[in-house]
């Protein structure tokens, strides 16, 4: 009996991944094995970079809060300690936004915890 191979399904599987690698350079877009490896590695980078994005934003917020705090004569660590001691529950994202876009509101918070 002849061997039965489901060409429709396997071709569809390959076409799907080759469609996902559209726009890649050279063989990465049209050679099946290269495209598949590139696509899989891209998924790995996407996963890890979703984690890195959170780290990068937290670092950015800390820099902005530190810059705002130093204008008020405090360091970042002194400000965060004072906020914690005063029971002010504002996260770094909000504090960074206030320090950058609403300096008068940030100054009011610093004066409250000082």
PDB file of N, CA and C in Angstrom:
ATOM      1  N   UNK A   1       0.849  -1.187   0.000  1.00  0.00           N
ATOM      2  CA  UNK A   1       0.000   0.000   0.000  1.00  0.00           C
ATOM      3  C   UNK A   1       0.890   1.245   0.000  1.00  0.00           C
ATOM      4  N   UNK A   2       0.560   2.249  -0.826  1.00  0.00           N
ATOM      5  CA  UNK A   2       1.372   3.457  -0.879  1.00  0.00           C
ATOM      6  C   UNK A   2       1.258   4.267   0.420  1.00  0.00           C
ATOM      7  N   UNK A   3       2.335   4.986   0.686  1.00  0.00           N
ATOM      8  CA  UNK A   3       2.387   5.813   1.893  1.00  0.00           C
ATOM      9  C   UNK A   3       1.486   7.029   1.714  1.00  0.00           C
ATOM     10  N   UNK A   4       0.682   7.327   2.721  1.00  0.00           N
ATOM     11  CA  UNK A   4      -0.232   8.460   2.640  1.00  0.00           C
ATOM     12  C   UNK A   4       0.337   9.626   3.452  1.00  0.00           C
ATOM     13  N   UNK A   5       0.498  10.760   2.786  1.00  0.00           N
ATOM     14  CA  UNK A   5       1.036  11.949   3.443  1.00  0.00           C
ATOM     15  C   UNK A   5       0.033  13.079   3.265  1.00  0.00           C
ATOM     16  N   UNK A   6      -0.274  13.751   4.344  1.00  0.00           N
ATOM     17  CA  UNK A   6      -1.252  14.836   4.260  1.00  0.00           C
ATOM     18  C   UNK A   6      -0.547  16.125   3.810  1.00  0.00           C
ATOM     19  N   UNK A   7      -0.365  16.271   2.496  1.00  0.00           N
ATOM     20  CA  UNK A   7       0.346  17.433   1.971  1.00  0.00           C
ATOM     21  C   UNK A   7      -0.396  18.744   2.220  1.00  0.00           C
ATOM     22  N   UNK A   8      -1.712  18.673   2.254  1.00  0.00           N
ATOM     23  CA  UNK A   8      -2.494  19.894   2.456  1.00  0.00           C
ATOM     24  C   UNK A   8      -2.164  20.522   3.817  1.00  0.00           C
ATOM     25  N   UNK A   9      -2.153  19.701   4.854  1.00  0.00           N
ATOM     26  CA  UNK A   9      -1.906  20.208   6.211  1.00  0.00           C
ATOM     27  C   UNK A   9      -0.462  20.665   6.374  1.00  0.00           C
ATOM     28  N   UNK A  10       0.495  19.873   5.868  1.00  0.00           N
ATOM     29  CA  UNK A  10       1.900  20.243   6.061  1.00  0.00           C
ATOM     30  C   UNK A  10       2.248  21.493   5.262  1.00  0.00           C
ATOM     31  N   UNK A  11       1.679  21.638   4.062  1.00  0.00           N
ATOM     32  CA  UNK A  11       1.935  22.848   3.275  1.00  0.00           C
ATOM     33  C   UNK A  11       1.320  24.059   3.964  1.00  0.00           C
ATOM     34  N   UNK A  12       0.134  23.886   4.531  1.00  0.00           N
ATOM     35  CA  UNK A  12      -0.531  24.999   5.225  1.00  0.00           C
ATOM     36  C   UNK A  12       0.292  25.438   6.430  1.00  0.00           C
ATOM     37  N   UNK A  13       0.859  24.443   7.145  1.00  0.00           N
ATOM     38  CA  UNK A  13       1.690  24.747   8.305  1.00  0.00           C
ATOM     39  C   UNK A  13       2.909  25.567   7.892  1.00  0.00           C
ATOM     40  N   UNK A  14       3.551  25.153   6.801  1.00  0.00           N
ATOM     41  CA  UNK A  14       4.731  25.872   6.327  1.00  0.00           C
ATOM     42  C   UNK A  14       4.367  27.262   5.826  1.00  0.00           C
ATOM     43  N   UNK A  15       3.260  27.337   5.100  1.00  0.00           N
ATOM     44  CA  UNK A  15       2.834  28.638   4.552  1.00  0.00           C
ATOM     45  C   UNK A  15       2.541  29.638   5.663  1.00  0.00           C
ATOM     46  N   UNK A  16       1.976  29.127   6.753  1.00  0.00           N
ATOM     47  CA  UNK A  16       1.634  30.003   7.876  1.00  0.00           C
ATOM     48  C   UNK A  16       2.906  30.644   8.440  1.00  0.00           C
ATOM     49  N   UNK A  17       3.929  29.839   8.670  1.00  0.00           N
ATOM     50  CA  UNK A  17       5.173  30.376   9.244  1.00  0.00           C
ATOM     51  C   UNK A  17       5.897  31.252   8.233  1.00  0.00           C
ATOM     52  N   UNK A  18       5.890  30.872   6.951  1.00  0.00           N
ATOM     53  CA  UNK A  18       6.531  31.711   5.937  1.00  0.00           C
ATOM     54  C   UNK A  18       5.794  33.046   5.811  1.00  0.00           C
ATOM     55  N   UNK A  19       4.494  33.041   6.066  1.00  0.00           N
ATOM     56  CA  UNK A  19       3.743  34.300   6.082  1.00  0.00           C
ATOM     57  C   UNK A  19       4.132  35.170   7.269  1.00  0.00           C
ATOM     58  N   UNK A  20       4.414  34.520   8.401  1.00  0.00           N
ATOM     59  CA  UNK A  20       4.801  35.268   9.601  1.00  0.00           C
ATOM     60  C   UNK A  20       6.199  35.861   9.489  1.00  0.00           C
ATOM     61  N   UNK A  21       7.032  35.281   8.598  1.00  0.00           N
ATOM     62  CA  UNK A  21       8.402  35.793   8.448  1.00  0.00           C
ATOM     63  C   UNK A  21       8.517  36.743   7.259  1.00  0.00           C
ATOM     64  N   UNK A  22       7.400  37.201   6.736  1.00  0.00           N
ATOM     65  CA  UNK A  22       7.431  38.174   5.636  1.00  0.00           C
ATOM     66  C   UNK A  22       8.140  39.436   6.097  1.00  0.00           C
ATOM     67  N   UNK A  23       9.015  39.969   5.266  1.00  0.00           N
ATOM     68  CA  UNK A  23       9.720  41.186   5.631  1.00  0.00           C
ATOM     69  C   UNK A  23      11.086  40.934   6.237  1.00  0.00           C
ATOM     70  N   UNK A  24      11.397  39.668   6.542  1.00  0.00           N
ATOM     71  CA  UNK A  24      12.732  39.357   7.049  1.00  0.00           C
ATOM     72  C   UNK A  24      13.729  39.427   5.898  1.00  0.00           C
ATOM     73  N   UNK A  25      15.029  39.488   6.211  1.00  0.00           N
ATOM     74  CA  UNK A  25      16.073  39.668   5.204  1.00  0.00           C
ATOM     75  C   UNK A  25      16.574  38.329   4.685  1.00  0.00           C
ATOM     76  N   UNK A  26      16.765  38.254   3.378  1.00  0.00           N
ATOM     77  CA  UNK A  26      17.408  37.099   2.752  1.00  0.00           C
ATOM     78  C   UNK A  26      16.635  35.813   2.931  1.00  0.00           C
ATOM     79  N   UNK A  27      17.384  34.731   3.213  1.00  0.00           N
ATOM     80  CA  UNK A  27      16.789  33.400   3.323  1.00  0.00           C
ATOM     81  C   UNK A  27      15.846  33.284   4.512  1.00  0.00           C
ATOM     82  N   UNK A  28      15.923  34.235   5.419  1.00  0.00           N
ATOM     83  CA  UNK A  28      15.081  34.174   6.617  1.00  0.00           C
ATOM     84  C   UNK A  28      13.596  34.265   6.280  1.00  0.00           C
ATOM     85  N   UNK A  29      13.282  34.731   5.072  1.00  0.00           N
ATOM     86  CA  UNK A  29      11.864  34.883   4.735  1.00  0.00           C
ATOM     87  C   UNK A  29      11.338  33.771   3.832  1.00  0.00           C
ATOM     88  N   UNK A  30      12.217  33.041   3.124  1.00  0.00           N
ATOM     89  CA  UNK A  30      11.683  32.098   2.144  1.00  0.00           C
ATOM     90  C   UNK A  30      12.267  30.691   2.183  1.00  0.00           C
ATOM     91  N   UNK A  31      13.282  30.442   2.993  1.00  0.00           N
ATOM     92  CA  UNK A  31      13.813  29.089   3.145  1.00  0.00           C
ATOM     93  C   UNK A  31      13.211  28.518   4.420  1.00  0.00           C
ATOM     94  N   UNK A  32      12.500  27.403   4.273  1.00  0.00           N
ATOM     95  CA  UNK A  32      11.674  26.875   5.349  1.00  0.00           C
ATOM     96  C   UNK A  32      12.427  26.727   6.673  1.00  0.00           C
ATOM     97  N   UNK A  33      13.561  26.013   6.677  1.00  0.00           N
ATOM     98  CA  UNK A  33      14.245  25.744   7.944  1.00  0.00           C
ATOM     99  C   UNK A  33      14.796  27.028   8.564  1.00  0.00           C
ATOM    100  N   UNK A  34      15.352  27.900   7.744  1.00  0.00           N
ATOM    101  CA  UNK A  34      15.903  29.166   8.250  1.00  0.00           C
ATOM    102  C   UNK A  34      14.775  30.036   8.794  1.00  0.00           C
ATOM    103  N   UNK A  35      13.677  30.110   8.039  1.00  0.00           N
ATOM    104  CA  UNK A  35      12.539  30.933   8.458  1.00  0.00           C
ATOM    105  C   UNK A  35      11.957  30.416   9.776  1.00  0.00           C
ATOM    106  N   UNK A  36      11.841  29.104   9.892  1.00  0.00           N
ATOM    107  CA  UNK A  36      11.266  28.514  11.103  1.00  0.00           C
ATOM    108  C   UNK A  36      12.149  28.809  12.316  1.00  0.00           C
ATOM    109  N   UNK A  37      13.475  28.646  12.149  1.00  0.00           N
ATOM    110  CA  UNK A  37      14.406  28.930  13.251  1.00  0.00           C
ATOM    111  C   UNK A  37      14.349  30.399  13.654  1.00  0.00           C
ATOM    112  N   UNK A  38      14.308  31.286  12.659  1.00  0.00           N
ATOM    113  CA  UNK A  38      14.254  32.722  12.921  1.00  0.00           C
ATOM    114  C   UNK A  38      12.977  33.087  13.668  1.00  0.00           C
ATOM    115  N   UNK A  39      11.861  32.525  13.212  1.00  0.00           N
ATOM    116  CA  UNK A  39      10.560  32.809  13.822  1.00  0.00           C
ATOM    117  C   UNK A  39      10.530  32.328  15.275  1.00  0.00           C
ATOM    118  N   UNK A  40      11.066  31.121  15.517  1.00  0.00           N
ATOM    119  CA  UNK A  40      11.072  30.582  16.879  1.00  0.00           C
ATOM    120  C   UNK A  40      11.956  31.427  17.797  1.00  0.00           C
ATOM    121  N   UNK A  41      13.107  31.858  17.287  1.00  0.00           N
ATOM    122  CA  UNK A  41      13.997  32.690  18.098  1.00  0.00           C
ATOM    123  C   UNK A  41      13.336  34.039  18.371  1.00  0.00           C
ATOM    124  N   UNK A  42      12.588  34.545  17.394  1.00  0.00           N
ATOM    125  CA  UNK A  42      11.857  35.797  17.580  1.00  0.00           C
ATOM    126  C   UNK A  42      10.849  35.700  18.709  1.00  0.00           C
ATOM    127  N   UNK A  43      10.194  34.533  18.839  1.00  0.00           N
ATOM    128  CA  UNK A  43       9.243  34.332  19.936  1.00  0.00           C
ATOM    129  C   UNK A  43       9.962  34.380  21.285  1.00  0.00           C
ATOM    130  N   UNK A  44      11.179  33.828  21.322  1.00  0.00           N
ATOM    131  CA  UNK A  44      11.971  33.861  22.550  1.00  0.00           C
ATOM    132  C   UNK A  44      12.308  35.287  22.931  1.00  0.00           C
ATOM    133  N   UNK A  45      12.749  36.064  21.933  1.00  0.00           N
ATOM    134  CA  UNK A  45      13.070  37.470  22.192  1.00  0.00           C
ATOM    135  C   UNK A  45      11.825  38.233  22.639  1.00  0.00           C
ATOM    136  N   UNK A  46      10.688  37.951  22.013  1.00  0.00           N
ATOM    137  CA  UNK A  46       9.451  38.657  22.367  1.00  0.00           C
ATOM    138  C   UNK A  46       9.101  38.403  23.829  1.00  0.00           C
ATOM    139  N   UNK A  47       9.252  37.153  24.272  1.00  0.00           N
ATOM    140  CA  UNK A  47       8.930  36.802  25.662  1.00  0.00           C
ATOM    141  C   UNK A  47       9.863  37.533  26.627  1.00  0.00           C
ATOM    142  N   UNK A  48      11.160  37.435  26.364  1.00  0.00           N
ATOM    143  CA  UNK A  48      12.117  38.043  27.296  1.00  0.00           C
ATOM    144  C   UNK A  48      12.028  39.563  27.275  1.00  0.00           C
ATOM    145  N   UNK A  49      11.742  40.142  26.114  1.00  0.00           N
ATOM    146  CA  UNK A  49      11.672  41.598  26.027  1.00  0.00           C
ATOM    147  C   UNK A  49      10.418  42.160  26.675  1.00  0.00           C
ATOM    148  N   UNK A  50       9.359  41.350  26.800  1.00  0.00           N
ATOM    149  CA  UNK A  50       8.201  41.809  27.569  1.00  0.00           C
ATOM    150  C   UNK A  50       8.589  41.980  29.031  1.00  0.00           C
ATOM    151  N   UNK A  51       9.499  41.147  29.515  1.00  0.00           N
ATOM    152  CA  UNK A  51       9.992  41.282  30.890  1.00  0.00           C
ATOM    153  C   UNK A  51      10.947  42.477  30.997  1.00  0.00           C
ATOM    154  N   UNK A  52      11.825  42.645  29.991  1.00  0.00           N
ATOM    155  CA  UNK A  52      12.795  43.749  30.004  1.00  0.00           C
ATOM    156  C   UNK A  52      12.104  45.099  29.960  1.00  0.00           C
ATOM    157  N   UNK A  53      10.972  45.156  29.260  1.00  0.00           N
ATOM    158  CA  UNK A  53      10.231  46.409  29.131  1.00  0.00           C
ATOM    159  C   UNK A  53       9.819  46.935  30.514  1.00  0.00           C
ATOM    160  N   UNK A  54       9.395  46.033  31.377  1.00  0.00           N
ATOM    161  CA  UNK A  54       8.987  46.418  32.726  1.00  0.00           C
ATOM    162  C   UNK A  54      10.173  46.975  33.508  1.00  0.00           C
ATOM    163  N   UNK A  55      11.355  46.299  33.361  1.00  0.00           N
ATOM    164  CA  UNK A  55      12.577  46.768  34.029  1.00  0.00           C
ATOM    165  C   UNK A  55      12.961  48.154  33.552  1.00  0.00           C
ATOM    166  N   UNK A  56      12.912  48.336  32.218  1.00  0.00           N
ATOM    167  CA  UNK A  56      13.338  49.612  31.635  1.00  0.00           C
ATOM    168  C   UNK A  56      12.441  50.756  32.081  1.00  0.00           C
ATOM    169  N   UNK A  57      11.135  50.514  32.134  1.00  0.00           N
ATOM    170  CA  UNK A  57      10.224  51.575  32.562  1.00  0.00           C
ATOM    171  C   UNK A  57      10.421  51.918  34.035  1.00  0.00           C
ATOM    172  N   UNK A  58      10.637  50.900  34.863  1.00  0.00           N
ATOM    173  CA  UNK A  58      10.869  51.173  36.281  1.00  0.00           C
ATOM    174  C   UNK A  58      12.128  52.020  36.452  1.00  0.00           C
ATOM    175  N   UNK A  59      13.186  51.693  35.700  1.00  0.00           N
ATOM    176  CA  UNK A  59      14.436  52.463  35.769  1.00  0.00           C
ATOM    177  C   UNK A  59      14.206  53.906  35.330  1.00  0.00           C
ATOM    178  N   UNK A  60      13.407  54.083  34.271  1.00  0.00           N
ATOM    179  CA  UNK A  60      13.101  55.426  33.783  1.00  0.00           C
ATOM    180  C   UNK A  60      12.330  56.226  34.824  1.00  0.00           C
ATOM    181  N   UNK A  61      11.336  55.580  35.449  1.00  0.00           N
ATOM    182  CA  UNK A  61      10.549  56.267  36.473  1.00  0.00           C
ATOM    183  C   UNK A  61      11.436  56.695  37.645  1.00  0.00           C
ATOM    184  N   UNK A  62      12.349  55.819  38.046  1.00  0.00           N
ATOM    185  CA  UNK A  62      13.239  56.133  39.165  1.00  0.00           C
ATOM    186  C   UNK A  62      14.115  57.336  38.824  1.00  0.00           C
ATOM    187  N   UNK A  63      14.629  57.380  37.586  1.00  0.00           N
ATOM    188  CA  UNK A  63      15.464  58.516  37.167  1.00  0.00           C
ATOM    189  C   UNK A  63      14.668  59.818  37.204  1.00  0.00           C
ATOM    190  N   UNK A  64      13.430  59.768  36.745  1.00  0.00           N
ATOM    191  CA  UNK A  64      12.602  60.980  36.726  1.00  0.00           C
ATOM    192  C   UNK A  64      12.246  61.442  38.131  1.00  0.00           C
ATOM    193  N   UNK A  65      11.928  60.491  39.014  1.00  0.00           N
ATOM    194  CA  UNK A  65      11.614  60.845  40.400  1.00  0.00           C
ATOM    195  C   UNK A  65      12.850  61.436  41.075  1.00  0.00           C
ATOM    196  N   UNK A  66      14.010  60.832  40.828  1.00  0.00           N
ATOM    197  CA  UNK A  66      15.259  61.308  41.415  1.00  0.00           C
ATOM    198  C   UNK A  66      15.549  62.734  40.959  1.00  0.00           C
ATOM    199  N   UNK A  67      15.350  62.999  39.659  1.00  0.00           N
ATOM    200  CA  UNK A  67      15.592  64.354  39.141  1.00  0.00           C
ATOM    201  C   UNK A  67      14.657  65.357  39.811  1.00  0.00           C
ATOM    202  N   UNK A  68      13.379  64.992  39.941  1.00  0.00           N
ATOM    203  CA  UNK A  68      12.414  65.876  40.590  1.00  0.00           C
ATOM    204  C   UNK A  68      12.716  66.080  42.055  1.00  0.00           C
ATOM    205  N   UNK A  69      13.133  65.011  42.727  1.00  0.00           N
ATOM    206  CA  UNK A  69      13.433  65.092  44.152  1.00  0.00           C
ATOM    207  C   UNK A  69      14.654  65.970  44.405  1.00  0.00           C
ATOM    208  N   UNK A  70      15.654  65.871  43.551  1.00  0.00           N
ATOM    209  CA  UNK A  70      16.874  66.663  43.730  1.00  0.00           C
ATOM    210  C   UNK A  70      16.607  68.153  43.539  1.00  0.00           C
ATOM    211  N   UNK A  71      15.616  68.493  42.702  1.00  0.00           N
ATOM    212  CA  UNK A  71      15.230  69.895  42.567  1.00  0.00           C
ATOM    213  C   UNK A  71      14.629  70.421  43.875  1.00  0.00           C
ATOM    214  N   UNK A  72      14.060  69.501  44.659  1.00  0.00           N
ATOM    215  CA  UNK A  72      13.462  69.870  45.947  1.00  0.00           C
ATOM    216  C   UNK A  72      14.436  69.662  47.111  1.00  0.00           C
ATOM    217  N   UNK A  73      15.683  69.293  46.810  1.00  0.00           N
ATOM    218  CA  UNK A  73      16.695  69.154  47.849  1.00  0.00           C
ATOM    219  C   UNK A  73      16.706  67.824  48.569  1.00  0.00           C
ATOM    220  N   UNK A  74      16.166  66.785  47.936  1.00  0.00           N
ATOM    221  CA  UNK A  74      16.184  65.434  48.519  1.00  0.00           C
ATOM    222  C   UNK A  74      16.759  64.477  47.487  1.00  0.00           C
ATOM    223  N   UNK A  75      17.208  63.317  47.958  1.00  0.00           N
ATOM    224  CA  UNK A  75      17.615  62.283  47.012  1.00  0.00           C
ATOM    225  C   UNK A  75      16.420  61.350  46.809  1.00  0.00           C
ATOM    226  N   UNK A  76      16.539  60.477  45.847  1.00  0.00           N
ATOM    227  CA  UNK A  76      15.457  59.523  45.556  1.00  0.00           C
ATOM    228  C   UNK A  76      15.177  58.643  46.770  1.00  0.00           C
ATOM    229  N   UNK A  77      16.247  58.098  47.368  1.00  0.00           N
ATOM    230  CA  UNK A  77      16.059  57.159  48.480  1.00  0.00           C
ATOM    231  C   UNK A  77      15.462  57.857  49.699  1.00  0.00           C
ATOM    232  N   UNK A  78      15.874  59.093  49.944  1.00  0.00           N
ATOM    233  CA  UNK A  78      15.299  59.851  51.067  1.00  0.00           C
ATOM    234  C   UNK A  78      13.808  60.089  50.828  1.00  0.00           C
ATOM    235  N   UNK A  79      13.467  60.458  49.598  1.00  0.00           N
ATOM    236  CA  UNK A  79      12.060  60.718  49.265  1.00  0.00           C
ATOM    237  C   UNK A  79      11.217  59.460  49.421  1.00  0.00           C
ATOM    238  N   UNK A  80      11.707  58.329  48.897  1.00  0.00           N
ATOM    239  CA  UNK A  80      10.927  57.089  48.962  1.00  0.00           C
ATOM    240  C   UNK A  80      10.767  56.629  50.416  1.00  0.00           C
ATOM    241  N   UNK A  81      11.824  56.820  51.223  1.00  0.00           N
ATOM    242  CA  UNK A  81      11.722  56.479  52.639  1.00  0.00           C
ATOM    243  C   UNK A  81      10.703  57.353  53.352  1.00  0.00           C
ATOM    244  N   UNK A  82      10.717  58.653  53.047  1.00  0.00           N
ATOM    245  CA  UNK A  82       9.766  59.585  53.668  1.00  0.00           C
ATOM    246  C   UNK A  82       8.335  59.281  53.236  1.00  0.00           C
ATOM    247  N   UNK A  83       8.157  58.936  51.966  1.00  0.00           N
ATOM    248  CA  UNK A  83       6.817  58.577  51.476  1.00  0.00           C
ATOM    249  C   UNK A  83       6.294  57.346  52.198  1.00  0.00           C
ATOM    250  N   UNK A  84       7.160  56.364  52.356  1.00  0.00           N
ATOM    251  CA  UNK A  84       6.765  55.124  53.030  1.00  0.00           C
ATOM    252  C   UNK A  84       6.410  55.394  54.491  1.00  0.00           C
ATOM    253  N   UNK A  85       7.235  56.202  55.154  1.00  0.00           N
ATOM    254  CA  UNK A  85       7.018  56.522  56.566  1.00  0.00           C
ATOM    255  C   UNK A  85       5.723  57.319  56.758  1.00  0.00           C
ATOM    256  N   UNK A  86       5.423  58.219  55.797  1.00  0.00           N
ATOM    257  CA  UNK A  86       4.214  59.048  55.890  1.00  0.00           C
ATOM    258  C   UNK A  86       2.966  58.285  55.462  1.00  0.00           C
ATOM    259  N   UNK A  87       3.147  57.093  54.889  1.00  0.00           N
ATOM    260  CA  UNK A  87       1.998  56.284  54.465  1.00  0.00           C
ATOM    261  C   UNK A  87       1.374  56.764  53.174  1.00  0.00           C
ATOM    262  N   UNK A  88       2.173  57.435  52.324  1.00  0.00           N
ATOM    263  CA  UNK A  88       1.667  57.893  51.025  1.00  0.00           C
ATOM    264  C   UNK A  88       1.857  56.757  50.015  1.00  0.00           C
ATOM    265  N   UNK A  89       0.750  56.210  49.535  1.00  0.00           N
ATOM    266  CA  UNK A  89       0.825  55.063  48.626  1.00  0.00           C
ATOM    267  C   UNK A  89       0.674  55.501  47.177  1.00  0.00           C
ATOM    268  N   UNK A  90       1.710  56.120  46.646  1.00  0.00           N
ATOM    269  CA  UNK A  90       1.748  56.463  45.223  1.00  0.00           C
ATOM    270  C   UNK A  90       2.838  55.622  44.581  1.00  0.00           C
ATOM    271  N   UNK A  91       2.516  54.986  43.461  1.00  0.00           N
ATOM    272  CA  UNK A  91       3.540  54.162  42.828  1.00  0.00           C
ATOM    273  C   UNK A  91       4.502  55.018  42.017  1.00  0.00           C
ATOM    274  N   UNK A  92       5.579  54.401  41.575  1.00  0.00           N
ATOM    275  CA  UNK A  92       6.636  55.129  40.881  1.00  0.00           C
ATOM    276  C   UNK A  92       6.167  55.717  39.552  1.00  0.00           C
ATOM    277  N   UNK A  93       5.246  55.016  38.896  1.00  0.00           N
ATOM    278  CA  UNK A  93       4.738  55.514  37.613  1.00  0.00           C
ATOM    279  C   UNK A  93       4.041  56.860  37.795  1.00  0.00           C
ATOM    280  N   UNK A  94       3.195  56.950  38.803  1.00  0.00           N
ATOM    281  CA  UNK A  94       2.451  58.183  39.074  1.00  0.00           C
ATOM    282  C   UNK A  94       3.399  59.284  39.546  1.00  0.00           C
ATOM    283  N   UNK A  95       4.326  58.933  40.442  1.00  0.00           N
ATOM    284  CA  UNK A  95       5.285  59.922  40.941  1.00  0.00           C
ATOM    285  C   UNK A  95       6.133  60.488  39.799  1.00  0.00           C
ATOM    286  N   UNK A  96       6.570  59.617  38.888  1.00  0.00           N
ATOM    287  CA  UNK A  96       7.392  60.059  37.750  1.00  0.00           C
ATOM    288  C   UNK A  96       6.595  60.997  36.853  1.00  0.00           C
ATOM    289  N   UNK A  97       5.310  60.680  36.645  1.00  0.00           N
ATOM    290  CA  UNK A  97       4.468  61.536  35.813  1.00  0.00           C
ATOM    291  C   UNK A  97       4.285  62.901  36.470  1.00  0.00           C
ATOM    292  N   UNK A  98       4.067  62.909  37.778  1.00  0.00           N
ATOM    293  CA  UNK A  98       3.917  64.178  38.493  1.00  0.00           C
ATOM    294  C   UNK A  98       5.206  64.988  38.438  1.00  0.00           C
ATOM    295  N   UNK A  99       6.339  64.318  38.642  1.00  0.00           N
ATOM    296  CA  UNK A  99       7.631  65.018  38.643  1.00  0.00           C
ATOM    297  C   UNK A  99       7.909  65.651  37.284  1.00  0.00           C
ATOM    298  N   UNK A 100       7.476  64.981  36.222  1.00  0.00           N
ATOM    299  CA  UNK A 100       7.794  65.471  34.891  1.00  0.00           C
ATOM    300  C   UNK A 100       6.766  66.489  34.382  1.00  0.00           C
ATOM    301  N   UNK A 101       5.485  66.191  34.555  1.00  0.00           N
ATOM    302  CA  UNK A 101       4.435  67.001  33.922  1.00  0.00           C
ATOM    303  C   UNK A 101       3.732  67.974  34.870  1.00  0.00           C
ATOM    304  N   UNK A 102       3.782  67.708  36.176  1.00  0.00           N
ATOM    305  CA  UNK A 102       3.104  68.574  37.152  1.00  0.00           C
ATOM    306  C   UNK A 102       4.041  68.845  38.329  1.00  0.00           C
ATOM    307  N   UNK A 103       5.087  69.644  38.107  1.00  0.00           N
ATOM    308  CA  UNK A 103       6.081  69.861  39.171  1.00  0.00           C
ATOM    309  C   UNK A 103       5.503  70.474  40.441  1.00  0.00           C
ATOM    310  N   UNK A 104       4.448  71.309  40.321  1.00  0.00           N
ATOM    311  CA  UNK A 104       3.873  71.927  41.512  1.00  0.00           C
ATOM    312  C   UNK A 104       3.184  70.877  42.393  1.00  0.00           C
ATOM    313  N   UNK A 105       2.530  69.899  41.770  1.00  0.00           N
ATOM    314  CA  UNK A 105       1.898  68.820  42.535  1.00  0.00           C
ATOM    315  C   UNK A 105       2.966  67.939  43.193  1.00  0.00           C
ATOM    316  N   UNK A 106       4.053  67.685  42.463  1.00  0.00           N
ATOM    317  CA  UNK A 106       5.160  66.890  43.010  1.00  0.00           C
ATOM    318  C   UNK A 106       5.784  67.612  44.205  1.00  0.00           C
ATOM    319  N   UNK A 107       5.936  68.939  44.071  1.00  0.00           N
ATOM    320  CA  UNK A 107       6.499  69.754  45.157  1.00  0.00           C
ATOM    321  C   UNK A 107       5.601  69.679  46.386  1.00  0.00           C
ATOM    322  N   UNK A 108       4.278  69.680  46.164  1.00  0.00           N
ATOM    323  CA  UNK A 108       3.339  69.591  47.280  1.00  0.00           C
ATOM    324  C   UNK A 108       3.482  68.250  48.014  1.00  0.00           C
ATOM    325  N   UNK A 109       3.689  67.182  47.261  1.00  0.00           N
ATOM    326  CA  UNK A 109       3.859  65.856  47.878  1.00  0.00           C
ATOM    327  C   UNK A 109       5.168  65.825  48.685  1.00  0.00           C
ATOM    328  N   UNK A 110       6.227  66.378  48.098  1.00  0.00           N
ATOM    329  CA  UNK A 110       7.522  66.402  48.797  1.00  0.00           C
ATOM    330  C   UNK A 110       7.407  67.216  50.079  1.00  0.00           C
ATOM    331  N   UNK A 111       6.722  68.369  50.027  1.00  0.00           N
ATOM    332  CA  UNK A 111       6.566  69.211  51.218  1.00  0.00           C
ATOM    333  C   UNK A 111       5.735  68.503  52.285  1.00  0.00           C
ATOM    334  N   UNK A 112       4.759  67.697  51.847  1.00  0.00           N
ATOM    335  CA  UNK A 112       3.898  66.981  52.793  1.00  0.00           C
ATOM    336  C   UNK A 112       4.690  65.934  53.575  1.00  0.00           C
ATOM    337  N   UNK A 113       5.595  65.245  52.877  1.00  0.00           N
ATOM    338  CA  UNK A 113       6.334  64.152  53.552  1.00  0.00           C
ATOM    339  C   UNK A 113       7.615  64.626  54.230  1.00  0.00           C
ATOM    340  N   UNK A 114       8.027  65.854  53.962  1.00  0.00           N
ATOM    341  CA  UNK A 114       9.305  66.354  54.516  1.00  0.00           C
ATOM    342  C   UNK A 114       9.256  66.526  56.021  1.00  0.00           C
TER     343      UNK A 114
END
